[in-house]
Amino acid sequence: MLQEIEIGSTVVTTPKEYLDVFFPQLSDGTYRAVCLNNGFIGERCRNNLDSLCVMILLERPRDFYHYWDGKNAWKCPCG
């Protein structure tokens, strides 16, 4: 059964601050998600650049962290 998740949802079972490790801050002050589809864990995503998603974020997308695929994480919107 699918569940709709609203922005700011508390459905994530891990404190969202703990999940920030998956969104490292780069030297230019932007953030990029760690992409697990790196060719070792799963088929390499076409948007994977050295294990980081090519999508550049100005802040961590905490409002969009959600439970999916058995993990508390972020579903890549570009891959």
Protein backbone atom coordinates (compact mmCIF):
# COMPACT_ATOMS: atom_id res chain seq x y z
CA MET A 1 0.00 0.00 0.00
CA LEU A 2 1.40 3.41 -0.97
CA GLN A 3 1.38 6.24 1.51
CA GLU A 4 1.46 9.87 0.54
CA ILE A 5 4.23 11.77 2.30
CA GLU A 6 3.82 15.47 2.96
CA ILE A 7 6.66 17.97 3.21
CA GLY A 8 8.00 17.95 6.75
CA SER A 9 6.60 14.48 7.40
CA THR A 10 7.66 12.66 10.54
CA VAL A 11 7.29 9.23 8.91
CA VAL A 12 11.08 8.84 8.74
CA THR A 13 12.02 6.56 11.64
CA THR A 14 15.59 7.82 12.03
CA PRO A 15 16.23 11.40 13.21
CA LYS A 16 16.65 13.40 10.02
CA GLU A 17 19.91 14.93 11.28
CA TYR A 18 21.46 11.43 11.28
CA LEU A 19 20.65 11.09 7.58
CA ASP A 20 22.59 14.25 6.72
CA VAL A 21 25.66 12.05 6.26
CA PHE A 22 24.10 11.06 2.92
CA PHE A 23 24.20 14.72 1.82
CA PRO A 24 27.78 15.91 2.30
CA GLN A 25 28.57 19.60 2.03
CA LEU A 26 31.08 20.29 -0.72
CA SER A 27 33.85 22.88 -0.63
CA ASP A 28 31.67 25.37 -2.55
CA GLY A 29 28.99 25.22 0.17
CA THR A 30 26.50 23.16 -1.86
CA TYR A 31 25.21 19.65 -1.10
CA ARG A 32 25.00 16.52 -3.22
CA ALA A 33 23.42 13.22 -2.31
CA VAL A 34 25.56 10.12 -1.97
CA CYS A 35 24.43 7.85 -4.81
CA LEU A 36 24.33 4.18 -3.83
CA ASN A 37 23.79 3.13 -7.45
CA ASN A 38 27.53 3.25 -8.07
CA GLY A 39 28.03 0.04 -10.02
CA PHE A 40 28.95 -1.99 -6.93
CA ILE A 41 25.74 -1.88 -4.89
CA GLY A 42 23.41 -1.50 -7.86
CA GLU A 43 23.54 -0.73 -11.55
CA ARG A 44 25.42 2.54 -12.00
CA CYS A 45 23.06 5.49 -12.30
CA ARG A 46 23.66 7.73 -15.30
CA ASN A 47 23.60 10.68 -12.88
CA ASN A 48 26.29 9.22 -10.61
CA LEU A 49 29.49 11.26 -10.62
CA ASP A 50 32.17 9.66 -8.42
CA SER A 51 29.48 8.27 -6.06
CA LEU A 52 27.66 11.61 -5.76
CA CYS A 53 24.44 12.60 -7.51
CA VAL A 54 24.95 15.24 -10.18
CA MET A 55 22.02 17.22 -8.78
CA ILE A 56 23.40 20.19 -6.81
CA LEU A 57 21.41 21.38 -3.78
CA LEU A 58 21.75 24.67 -1.93
CA GLU A 59 20.62 23.05 1.34
CA ARG A 60 20.01 19.56 2.65
CA PRO A 61 16.53 18.38 1.62
CA ARG A 62 15.44 17.28 5.11
CA ASP A 63 11.77 17.90 4.33
CA PHE A 64 11.99 15.28 1.60
CA TYR A 65 13.80 12.54 3.52
CA HIS A 66 11.38 9.63 3.57
CA TYR A 67 11.07 5.90 4.09
CA TRP A 68 11.37 3.96 0.84
CA ASP A 69 12.76 0.68 -0.44
CA GLY A 70 13.46 -0.56 3.06
CA LYS A 71 15.70 2.36 3.97
CA ASN A 72 15.36 5.80 5.46
CA ALA A 73 16.71 7.87 2.64
CA TRP A 74 16.03 10.11 -0.29
CA LYS A 75 14.71 8.86 -3.61
CA CYS A 76 16.82 10.38 -6.34
CA PRO A 77 14.52 12.42 -8.57
CA CYS A 78 16.94 12.56 -11.48
CA GLY A 79 17.86 8.89 -11.87
